[in-house]
Protein backbone atom coordinates (compact mmCIF):
# COMPACT_ATOMS: atom_id res chain seq x y z
CA MET A 1 -2.62 115.59 71.24
CA LYS A 2 -1.50 116.94 74.59
CA LEU A 3 0.85 115.25 77.08
CA SER A 4 0.65 116.27 80.75
CA ILE A 5 3.82 115.77 82.66
CA ILE A 6 3.40 115.92 86.44
CA ILE A 7 6.57 116.41 88.45
CA PRO A 8 6.24 115.84 92.22
CA ALA A 9 8.84 117.62 94.30
CA TYR A 10 9.85 117.62 97.97
CA ASN A 11 13.06 119.37 99.04
CA GLU A 12 14.55 119.15 95.54
CA GLU A 13 16.13 122.55 95.36
CA ARG A 14 19.44 121.15 94.20
CA HIS A 15 17.97 118.98 91.42
CA ILE A 16 14.73 120.41 90.08
CA SER A 17 16.35 122.87 87.61
CA ALA A 18 18.36 120.08 86.05
CA LEU A 19 15.30 117.84 85.82
CA LEU A 20 13.28 120.58 84.16
CA GLY A 21 16.07 121.10 81.67
CA ARG A 22 16.08 117.36 80.81
CA VAL A 23 12.32 117.37 80.35
CA ASP A 24 12.60 120.41 78.04
CA GLY A 25 15.31 118.66 76.05
CA VAL A 26 13.05 115.83 74.96
CA GLN A 27 11.66 116.44 71.57
CA LEU A 28 8.02 115.48 71.09
CA ALA A 29 7.15 116.09 67.49
CA GLY A 30 3.49 117.06 67.01
CA ILE A 31 2.62 116.68 70.71
CA GLU A 32 1.83 119.69 72.84
CA ARG A 33 2.95 119.31 76.44
CA GLU A 34 2.08 120.89 79.76
CA ILE A 35 4.33 120.59 82.77
CA ILE A 36 2.80 120.63 86.19
CA ILE A 37 5.10 120.85 89.23
CA VAL A 38 3.57 119.78 92.57
CA ASP A 39 5.57 120.89 95.57
CA ASP A 40 4.67 118.75 98.59
CA GLY A 41 5.43 121.22 101.38
CA SER A 42 9.15 121.58 100.84
CA SER A 43 11.18 123.32 103.54
CA ASP A 44 14.20 124.17 101.36
CA GLY A 45 14.15 126.53 98.34
CA THR A 46 12.29 124.20 96.10
CA ARG A 47 9.07 126.21 96.48
CA GLY A 48 10.70 129.33 95.04
CA LEU A 49 11.92 127.66 91.86
CA PRO A 50 8.56 126.56 90.51
CA GLU A 51 7.21 130.10 91.17
CA GLY A 52 9.62 131.32 88.47
CA GLU A 53 8.49 128.57 86.11
CA LYS A 54 5.08 130.14 85.71
CA SER A 55 6.60 132.63 83.34
CA ARG A 56 7.73 129.68 81.10
CA GLY A 57 4.14 128.40 80.70
CA ARG A 58 4.37 125.81 83.45
CA THR A 59 1.93 125.26 86.28
CA ALA A 60 3.10 125.12 89.89
CA LEU A 61 0.89 123.75 92.67
CA PHE A 62 1.78 123.83 96.39
CA HIS A 63 0.78 121.82 99.36
CA GLY A 64 1.05 123.71 102.69
CA LYS A 65 2.32 120.62 104.46
CA LYS A 66 3.73 117.26 103.32
CA ARG A 67 0.96 114.90 102.25
């Protein structure tokens, strides 16, 4: 079984790392999970943080402008 966790983000530079840490801290025995971060055209540093998450097996998607 696979659980997809979608995290929308808009100007969340100060909070997204803590949120991802909390999501990682939840134990899901026997369930594979994928984390998809969707940045909705942030103008702060939020966009740069999910880029680094790709190396941790997470998917980051970006909107060019706020939708």
